PDB file of N, CA and C in Angstrom:
ATOM      1  N   MET A   1     -33.481 109.366  99.863  1.00  0.00           N
ATOM      2  CA  MET A   1     -32.982 110.291 100.854  1.00  0.00           C
ATOM      3  C   MET A   1     -32.396 109.502 102.014  1.00  0.00           C
ATOM      4  N   THR A   2     -31.289 109.978 102.490  1.00  0.00           N
ATOM      5  CA  THR A   2     -30.662 109.307 103.620  1.00  0.00           C
ATOM      6  C   THR A   2     -31.325 109.758 104.915  1.00  0.00           C
ATOM      7  N   LEU A   3     -31.112 108.987 105.971  1.00  0.00           N
ATOM      8  CA  LEU A   3     -31.644 109.377 107.277  1.00  0.00           C
ATOM      9  C   LEU A   3     -31.024 110.698 107.737  1.00  0.00           C
ATOM     10  N   GLU A   4     -29.765 110.908 107.396  1.00  0.00           N
ATOM     11  CA  GLU A   4     -29.099 112.162 107.758  1.00  0.00           C
ATOM     12  C   GLU A   4     -29.770 113.352 107.068  1.00  0.00           C
ATOM     13  N   GLU A   5     -30.110 113.192 105.783  1.00  0.00           N
ATOM     14  CA  GLU A   5     -30.795 114.270 105.065  1.00  0.00           C
ATOM     15  C   GLU A   5     -32.158 114.556 105.682  1.00  0.00           C
ATOM     16  N   ILE A   6     -32.870 113.505 106.036  1.00  0.00           N
ATOM     17  CA  ILE A   6     -34.184 113.679 106.642  1.00  0.00           C
ATOM     18  C   ILE A   6     -34.047 114.391 107.991  1.00  0.00           C
ATOM     19  N   LYS A   7     -33.068 113.980 108.808  1.00  0.00           N
ATOM     20  CA  LYS A   7     -32.850 114.628 110.099  1.00  0.00           C
ATOM     21  C   LYS A   7     -32.522 116.105 109.915  1.00  0.00           C
ATOM     22  N   THR A   8     -31.667 116.409 108.961  1.00  0.00           N
ATOM     23  CA  THR A   8     -31.295 117.809 108.713  1.00  0.00           C
ATOM     24  C   THR A   8     -32.529 118.649 108.410  1.00  0.00           C
ATOM     25  N   GLU A   9     -33.411 118.115 107.585  1.00  0.00           N
ATOM     26  CA  GLU A   9     -34.624 118.852 107.236  1.00  0.00           C
ATOM     27  C   GLU A   9     -35.590 118.937 108.414  1.00  0.00           C
ATOM     28  N   LEU A  10     -35.752 117.841 109.154  1.00  0.00           N
ATOM     29  CA  LEU A  10     -36.651 117.857 110.309  1.00  0.00           C
ATOM     30  C   LEU A  10     -36.162 118.830 111.378  1.00  0.00           C
ATOM     31  N   ASP A  11     -34.855 118.986 111.487  1.00  0.00           N
ATOM     32  CA  ASP A  11     -34.292 119.939 112.452  1.00  0.00           C
ATOM     33  C   ASP A  11     -34.656 121.382 112.112  1.00  0.00           C
ATOM     34  N   LYS A  12     -35.112 121.625 110.899  1.00  0.00           N
ATOM     35  CA  LYS A  12     -35.499 122.981 110.489  1.00  0.00           C
ATOM     36  C   LYS A  12     -36.921 123.338 110.926  1.00  0.00           C
ATOM     37  N   LEU A  13     -37.683 122.341 111.385  1.00  0.00           N
ATOM     38  CA  LEU A  13     -39.034 122.620 111.850  1.00  0.00           C
ATOM     39  C   LEU A  13     -38.976 123.487 113.102  1.00  0.00           C
ATOM     40  N   PRO A  14     -39.981 124.332 113.305  1.00  0.00           N
ATOM     41  CA  PRO A  14     -39.976 125.206 114.478  1.00  0.00           C
ATOM     42  C   PRO A  14     -40.041 124.395 115.774  1.00  0.00           C
ATOM     43  N   THR A  15     -39.402 124.922 116.788  1.00  0.00           N
ATOM     44  CA  THR A  15     -39.422 124.256 118.095  1.00  0.00           C
ATOM     45  C   THR A  15     -40.286 125.011 119.102  1.00  0.00           C
ATOM     46  N   ASP A  16     -40.755 126.209 118.709  1.00  0.00           N
ATOM     47  CA  ASP A  16     -41.556 127.017 119.628  1.00  0.00           C
ATOM     48  C   ASP A  16     -43.055 126.738 119.533  1.00  0.00           C
ATOM     49  N   HIS A  17     -43.448 125.894 118.571  1.00  0.00           N
ATOM     50  CA  HIS A  17     -44.852 125.506 118.438  1.00  0.00           C
ATOM     51  C   HIS A  17     -44.939 124.188 117.665  1.00  0.00           C
ATOM     52  N   VAL A  18     -46.098 123.573 117.758  1.00  0.00           N
ATOM     53  CA  VAL A  18     -46.324 122.347 116.999  1.00  0.00           C
ATOM     54  C   VAL A  18     -46.312 122.723 115.523  1.00  0.00           C
ATOM     55  N   PRO A  19     -45.546 122.012 114.696  1.00  0.00           N
ATOM     56  CA  PRO A  19     -45.488 122.361 113.270  1.00  0.00           C
ATOM     57  C   PRO A  19     -46.881 122.387 112.636  1.00  0.00           C
ATOM     58  N   THR A  20     -47.095 123.394 111.833  1.00  0.00           N
ATOM     59  CA  THR A  20     -48.374 123.559 111.142  1.00  0.00           C
ATOM     60  C   THR A  20     -48.300 122.930 109.758  1.00  0.00           C
ATOM     61  N   GLY A  21     -49.414 122.921 109.085  1.00  0.00           N
ATOM     62  CA  GLY A  21     -49.429 122.441 107.704  1.00  0.00           C
ATOM     63  C   GLY A  21     -48.512 123.262 106.819  1.00  0.00           C
ATOM     64  N   ASP A  22     -48.470 124.559 107.058  1.00  0.00           N
ATOM     65  CA  ASP A  22     -47.575 125.430 106.279  1.00  0.00           C
ATOM     66  C   ASP A  22     -46.110 125.097 106.540  1.00  0.00           C
ATOM     67  N   ASP A  23     -45.779 124.833 107.817  1.00  0.00           N
ATOM     68  CA  ASP A  23     -44.397 124.446 108.152  1.00  0.00           C
ATOM     69  C   ASP A  23     -44.021 123.173 107.399  1.00  0.00           C
ATOM     70  N   TRP A  24     -44.926 122.217 107.417  1.00  0.00           N
ATOM     71  CA  TRP A  24     -44.656 120.941 106.762  1.00  0.00           C
ATOM     72  C   TRP A  24     -44.572 121.112 105.244  1.00  0.00           C
ATOM     73  N   ALA A  25     -45.404 121.977 104.674  1.00  0.00           N
ATOM     74  CA  ALA A  25     -45.389 122.207 103.223  1.00  0.00           C
ATOM     75  C   ALA A  25     -44.035 122.745 102.777  1.00  0.00           C
ATOM     76  N   VAL A  26     -43.474 123.672 103.547  1.00  0.00           N
ATOM     77  CA  VAL A  26     -42.161 124.222 103.216  1.00  0.00           C
ATOM     78  C   VAL A  26     -41.103 123.123 103.278  1.00  0.00           C
ATOM     79  N   LEU A  27     -41.166 122.324 104.329  1.00  0.00           N
ATOM     80  CA  LEU A  27     -40.196 121.252 104.507  1.00  0.00           C
ATOM     81  C   LEU A  27     -40.312 120.204 103.404  1.00  0.00           C
ATOM     82  N   SER A  28     -41.519 119.796 103.095  1.00  0.00           N
ATOM     83  CA  SER A  28     -41.713 118.684 102.165  1.00  0.00           C
ATOM     84  C   SER A  28     -41.585 119.078 100.700  1.00  0.00           C
ATOM     85  N   GLU A  29     -41.570 120.363 100.408  1.00  0.00           N
ATOM     86  CA  GLU A  29     -41.455 120.804  99.009  1.00  0.00           C
ATOM     87  C   GLU A  29     -40.187 120.258  98.357  1.00  0.00           C
ATOM     88  N   LYS A  30     -39.083 120.290  99.072  1.00  0.00           N
ATOM     89  CA  LYS A  30     -37.805 119.776  98.557  1.00  0.00           C
ATOM     90  C   LYS A  30     -37.906 118.277  98.293  1.00  0.00           C
ATOM     91  N   TRP A  31     -38.527 117.549  99.219  1.00  0.00           N
ATOM     92  CA  TRP A  31     -38.684 116.109  99.055  1.00  0.00           C
ATOM     93  C   TRP A  31     -39.598 115.792  97.882  1.00  0.00           C
ATOM     94  N   THR A  32     -40.667 116.549  97.734  1.00  0.00           N
ATOM     95  CA  THR A  32     -41.606 116.317  96.644  1.00  0.00           C
ATOM     96  C   THR A  32     -40.899 116.448  95.304  1.00  0.00           C
ATOM     97  N   HIS A  33     -40.044 117.451  95.178  1.00  0.00           N
ATOM     98  CA  HIS A  33     -39.286 117.646  93.933  1.00  0.00           C
ATOM     99  C   HIS A  33     -38.382 116.443  93.663  1.00  0.00           C
ATOM    100  N   ARG A  34     -37.698 115.960  94.684  1.00  0.00           N
ATOM    101  CA  ARG A  34     -36.801 114.801  94.512  1.00  0.00           C
ATOM    102  C   ARG A  34     -37.589 113.551  94.136  1.00  0.00           C
ATOM    103  N   VAL A  35     -38.726 113.355  94.773  1.00  0.00           N
ATOM    104  CA  VAL A  35     -39.554 112.188  94.463  1.00  0.00           C
ATOM    105  C   VAL A  35     -40.040 112.273  93.017  1.00  0.00           C
ATOM    106  N   ASP A  36     -40.462 113.458  92.586  1.00  0.00           N
ATOM    107  CA  ASP A  36     -40.897 113.637  91.191  1.00  0.00           C
ATOM    108  C   ASP A  36     -39.770 113.322  90.216  1.00  0.00           C
ATOM    109  N   GLU A  37     -38.542 113.755  90.540  1.00  0.00           N
ATOM    110  CA  GLU A  37     -37.386 113.455  89.686  1.00  0.00           C
ATOM    111  C   GLU A  37     -37.137 111.947  89.612  1.00  0.00           C
ATOM    112  N   GLN A  38     -37.232 111.276  90.751  1.00  0.00           N
ATOM    113  CA  GLN A  38     -37.008 109.833  90.777  1.00  0.00           C
ATOM    114  C   GLN A  38     -38.089 109.092  89.985  1.00  0.00           C
ATOM    115  N   ILE A  39     -39.317 109.547  90.088  1.00  0.00           N
ATOM    116  CA  ILE A  39     -40.407 108.934  89.311  1.00  0.00           C
ATOM    117  C   ILE A  39     -40.133 109.097  87.821  1.00  0.00           C
ATOM    118  N   ALA A  40     -39.703 110.292  87.408  1.00  0.00           N
ATOM    119  CA  ALA A  40     -39.402 110.537  85.994  1.00  0.00           C
ATOM    120  C   ALA A  40     -38.264 109.638  85.521  1.00  0.00           C
ATOM    121  N   GLN A  41     -37.239 109.456  86.355  1.00  0.00           N
ATOM    122  CA  GLN A  41     -36.122 108.579  85.986  1.00  0.00           C
ATOM    123  C   GLN A  41     -36.599 107.143  85.820  1.00  0.00           C
ATOM    124  N   LEU A  42     -37.426 106.688  86.734  1.00  0.00           N
ATOM    125  CA  LEU A  42     -37.937 105.314  86.648  1.00  0.00           C
ATOM    126  C   LEU A  42     -38.837 105.122  85.432  1.00  0.00           C
ATOM    127  N   GLN A  43     -39.608 106.140  85.077  1.00  0.00           N
ATOM    128  CA  GLN A  43     -40.443 106.039  83.885  1.00  0.00           C
ATOM    129  C   GLN A  43     -39.591 105.961  82.619  1.00  0.00           C
ATOM    130  N   ARG A  44     -38.497 106.743  82.583  1.00  0.00           N
ATOM    131  CA  ARG A  44     -37.586 106.661  81.436  1.00  0.00           C
ATOM    132  C   ARG A  44     -36.943 105.283  81.374  1.00  0.00           C
ATOM    133  N   LEU A  45     -36.556 104.749  82.529  1.00  0.00           N
ATOM    134  CA  LEU A  45     -35.959 103.420  82.579  1.00  0.00           C
ATOM    135  C   LEU A  45     -36.946 102.381  82.060  1.00  0.00           C
ATOM    136  N   ARG A  46     -38.193 102.440  82.516  1.00  0.00           N
ATOM    137  CA  ARG A  46     -39.208 101.483  82.061  1.00  0.00           C
ATOM    138  C   ARG A  46     -39.402 101.565  80.541  1.00  0.00           C
ATOM    139  N   LYS A  47     -39.480 102.777  80.032  1.00  0.00           N
ATOM    140  CA  LYS A  47     -39.658 102.973  78.589  1.00  0.00           C
ATOM    141  C   LYS A  47     -38.470 102.393  77.814  1.00  0.00           C
ATOM    142  N   THR A  48     -37.262 102.626  78.324  1.00  0.00           N
ATOM    143  CA  THR A  48     -36.057 102.141  77.662  1.00  0.00           C
ATOM    144  C   THR A  48     -35.971 100.625  77.709  1.00  0.00           C
ATOM    145  N   LEU A  49     -36.303 100.031  78.851  1.00  0.00           N
ATOM    146  CA  LEU A  49     -36.214  98.582  78.982  1.00  0.00           C
ATOM    147  C   LEU A  49     -37.151  97.864  78.015  1.00  0.00           C
ATOM    148  N   THR A  50     -38.317  98.421  77.790  1.00  0.00           N
ATOM    149  CA  THR A  50     -39.251  97.758  76.878  1.00  0.00           C
ATOM    150  C   THR A  50     -38.786  97.865  75.432  1.00  0.00           C
ATOM    151  N   ALA A  51     -37.903  98.828  75.154  1.00  0.00           N
ATOM    152  CA  ALA A  51     -37.387  98.989  73.792  1.00  0.00           C
ATOM    153  C   ALA A  51     -36.076  98.238  73.578  1.00  0.00           C
ATOM    154  N   CYS A  52     -35.474  97.756  74.650  1.00  0.00           N
ATOM    155  CA  CYS A  52     -34.170  97.101  74.564  1.00  0.00           C
ATOM    156  C   CYS A  52     -34.304  95.727  73.904  1.00  0.00           C
ATOM    157  N   ILE A  53     -33.332  95.430  73.029  1.00  0.00           N
ATOM    158  CA  ILE A  53     -33.333  94.109  72.406  1.00  0.00           C
ATOM    159  C   ILE A  53     -32.124  93.301  72.827  1.00  0.00           C
ATOM    160  N   GLY A  54     -31.428  93.772  73.873  1.00  0.00           N
ATOM    161  CA  GLY A  54     -30.369  92.973  74.471  1.00  0.00           C
ATOM    162  C   GLY A  54     -28.962  93.358  74.087  1.00  0.00           C
ATOM    163  N   CYS A  55     -28.048  92.877  74.895  1.00  0.00           N
ATOM    164  CA  CYS A  55     -26.625  93.140  74.669  1.00  0.00           C
ATOM    165  C   CYS A  55     -26.144  92.470  73.387  1.00  0.00           C
ATOM    166  N   GLY A  56     -25.157  93.084  72.762  1.00  0.00           N
ATOM    167  CA  GLY A  56     -24.592  92.527  71.546  1.00  0.00           C
ATOM    168  C   GLY A  56     -25.420  92.849  70.310  1.00  0.00           C
ATOM    169  N   CYS A  57     -26.430  93.654  70.475  1.00  0.00           N
ATOM    170  CA  CYS A  57     -27.291  93.978  69.331  1.00  0.00           C
ATOM    171  C   CYS A  57     -26.608  95.017  68.438  1.00  0.00           C
ATOM    172  N   LEU A  58     -27.276  95.401  67.409  1.00  0.00           N
ATOM    173  CA  LEU A  58     -26.714  96.357  66.458  1.00  0.00           C
ATOM    174  C   LEU A  58     -27.185  97.786  66.725  1.00  0.00           C
ATOM    175  N   SER A  59     -27.741  98.036  67.913  1.00  0.00           N
ATOM    176  CA  SER A  59     -28.277  99.366  68.208  1.00  0.00           C
ATOM    177  C   SER A  59     -27.423 100.121  69.220  1.00  0.00           C
ATOM    178  N   LEU A  60     -26.105  99.878  69.221  1.00  0.00           N
ATOM    179  CA  LEU A  60     -25.253 100.489  70.228  1.00  0.00           C
ATOM    180  C   LEU A  60     -25.258 102.013  70.174  1.00  0.00           C
ATOM    181  N   LYS A  61     -25.508 102.609  69.035  1.00  0.00           N
ATOM    182  CA  LYS A  61     -25.532 104.067  68.959  1.00  0.00           C
ATOM    183  C   LYS A  61     -26.714 104.651  69.719  1.00  0.00           C
ATOM    184  N   SER A  62     -27.780 103.888  69.870  1.00  0.00           N
ATOM    185  CA  SER A  62     -28.948 104.399  70.592  1.00  0.00           C
ATOM    186  C   SER A  62     -29.138 103.752  71.962  1.00  0.00           C
ATOM    187  N   CYS A  63     -28.291 102.804  72.312  1.00  0.00           N
ATOM    188  CA  CYS A  63     -28.420 102.083  73.581  1.00  0.00           C
ATOM    189  C   CYS A  63     -28.149 103.014  74.759  1.00  0.00           C
ATOM    190  N   LYS A  64     -29.047 103.024  75.733  1.00  0.00           N
ATOM    191  CA  LYS A  64     -28.906 103.882  76.909  1.00  0.00           C
ATOM    192  C   LYS A  64     -27.811 103.396  77.855  1.00  0.00           C
ATOM    193  N   MET A  65     -27.308 102.183  77.653  1.00  0.00           N
ATOM    194  CA  MET A  65     -26.265 101.659  78.529  1.00  0.00           C
ATOM    195  C   MET A  65     -24.874 101.808  77.923  1.00  0.00           C
ATOM    196  N   PHE A  66     -24.781 102.085  76.649  1.00  0.00           N
ATOM    197  CA  PHE A  66     -23.504 102.161  75.949  1.00  0.00           C
ATOM    198  C   PHE A  66     -22.793 103.459  76.320  1.00  0.00           C
ATOM    199  N   ASN A  67     -21.607 103.340  76.896  1.00  0.00           N
ATOM    200  CA  ASN A  67     -20.822 104.491  77.340  1.00  0.00           C
ATOM    201  C   ASN A  67     -19.345 104.164  77.151  1.00  0.00           C
ATOM    202  N   PRO A  68     -18.883 104.137  75.894  1.00  0.00           N
ATOM    203  CA  PRO A  68     -17.507 103.728  75.634  1.00  0.00           C
ATOM    204  C   PRO A  68     -16.494 104.625  76.349  1.00  0.00           C
ATOM    205  N   LYS A  69     -15.488 103.975  76.928  1.00  0.00           N
ATOM    206  CA  LYS A  69     -14.398 104.662  77.626  1.00  0.00           C
ATOM    207  C   LYS A  69     -14.916 105.611  78.717  1.00  0.00           C
ATOM    208  N   ASP A  70     -16.098 105.329  79.248  1.00  0.00           N
ATOM    209  CA  ASP A  70     -16.698 106.102  80.332  1.00  0.00           C
ATOM    210  C   ASP A  70     -16.735 107.594  79.996  1.00  0.00           C
ATOM    211  N   GLU A  71     -17.154 107.908  78.787  1.00  0.00           N
ATOM    212  CA  GLU A  71     -17.183 109.290  78.313  1.00  0.00           C
ATOM    213  C   GLU A  71     -18.074 110.198  79.156  1.00  0.00           C
ATOM    214  N   LEU A  72     -19.053 109.640  79.814  1.00  0.00           N
ATOM    215  CA  LEU A  72     -20.000 110.462  80.568  1.00  0.00           C
ATOM    216  C   LEU A  72     -19.612 110.658  82.028  1.00  0.00           C
ATOM    217  N   ARG A  73     -18.436 110.204  82.419  1.00  0.00           N
ATOM    218  CA  ARG A  73     -18.037 110.273  83.831  1.00  0.00           C
ATOM    219  C   ARG A  73     -18.026 111.702  84.364  1.00  0.00           C
ATOM    220  N   GLN A  74     -17.721 112.684  83.531  1.00  0.00           N
ATOM    221  CA  GLN A  74     -17.676 114.065  83.991  1.00  0.00           C
ATOM    222  C   GLN A  74     -19.053 114.599  84.358  1.00  0.00           C
ATOM    223  N   ARG A  75     -20.116 113.897  83.954  1.00  0.00           N
ATOM    224  CA  ARG A  75     -21.474 114.341  84.258  1.00  0.00           C
ATOM    225  C   ARG A  75     -21.967 113.797  85.594  1.00  0.00           C
ATOM    226  N   GLY A  76     -21.218 112.888  86.206  1.00  0.00           N
ATOM    227  CA  GLY A  76     -21.609 112.340  87.499  1.00  0.00           C
ATOM    228  C   GLY A  76     -21.672 110.828  87.468  1.00  0.00           C
ATOM    229  N   THR A  77     -22.009 110.250  88.614  1.00  0.00           N
ATOM    230  CA  THR A  77     -22.084 108.804  88.728  1.00  0.00           C
ATOM    231  C   THR A  77     -23.453 108.304  88.293  1.00  0.00           C
ATOM    232  N   GLY A  78     -23.523 107.019  88.086  1.00  0.00           N
ATOM    233  CA  GLY A  78     -24.803 106.397  87.753  1.00  0.00           C
ATOM    234  C   GLY A  78     -25.088 106.381  86.267  1.00  0.00           C
ATOM    235  N   PRO A  79     -26.247 105.866  85.895  1.00  0.00           N
ATOM    236  CA  PRO A  79     -26.621 105.734  84.490  1.00  0.00           C
ATOM    237  C   PRO A  79     -27.031 107.090  83.903  1.00  0.00           C
ATOM    238  N   ARG A  80     -26.057 107.885  83.516  1.00  0.00           N
ATOM    239  CA  ARG A  80     -26.299 109.270  83.088  1.00  0.00           C
ATOM    240  C   ARG A  80     -27.299 109.371  81.950  1.00  0.00           C
ATOM    241  N   LYS A  81     -27.267 108.434  81.013  1.00  0.00           N
ATOM    242  CA  LYS A  81     -28.188 108.516  79.881  1.00  0.00           C
ATOM    243  C   LYS A  81     -29.632 108.332  80.330  1.00  0.00           C
ATOM    244  N   TRP A  82     -29.833 107.514  81.359  1.00  0.00           N
ATOM    245  CA  TRP A  82     -31.193 107.361  81.888  1.00  0.00           C
ATOM    246  C   TRP A  82     -31.567 108.542  82.756  1.00  0.00           C
ATOM    247  N   ILE A  83     -30.651 108.967  83.619  1.00  0.00           N
ATOM    248  CA  ILE A  83     -30.943 110.065  84.558  1.00  0.00           C
ATOM    249  C   ILE A  83     -31.220 111.357  83.808  1.00  0.00           C
ATOM    250  N   GLU A  84     -30.404 111.651  82.813  1.00  0.00           N
ATOM    251  CA  GLU A  84     -30.515 112.918  82.101  1.00  0.00           C
ATOM    252  C   GLU A  84     -31.331 112.795  80.820  1.00  0.00           C
ATOM    253  N   ASP A  85     -31.732 111.603  80.467  1.00  0.00           N
ATOM    254  CA  ASP A  85     -32.490 111.346  79.235  1.00  0.00           C
ATOM    255  C   ASP A  85     -31.759 111.926  78.019  1.00  0.00           C
ATOM    256  N   ILE A  86     -30.467 111.557  77.910  1.00  0.00           N
ATOM    257  CA  ILE A  86     -29.615 112.034  76.811  1.00  0.00           C
ATOM    258  C   ILE A  86     -29.960 111.275  75.542  1.00  0.00           C
TER     259      ILE A  86
END
């Protein structure tokens, strides 16, 4: 999360009273979801790395890094096969 994103969310906290646990729970729910997604992506990456046998191997059809002619560009930036677990 960027500092700008954090500021935007913090600006949503009430200003008429000290934020309560409920106020914070509403605010942090979005962050918790993002953190869970990032953890899942990292776990997929770890699982894939332990199965990798290196570049130039004969497993290009199953390689999570193989993306000929950038076919996955329409799905977004980054390692789409790892992010989306394709």
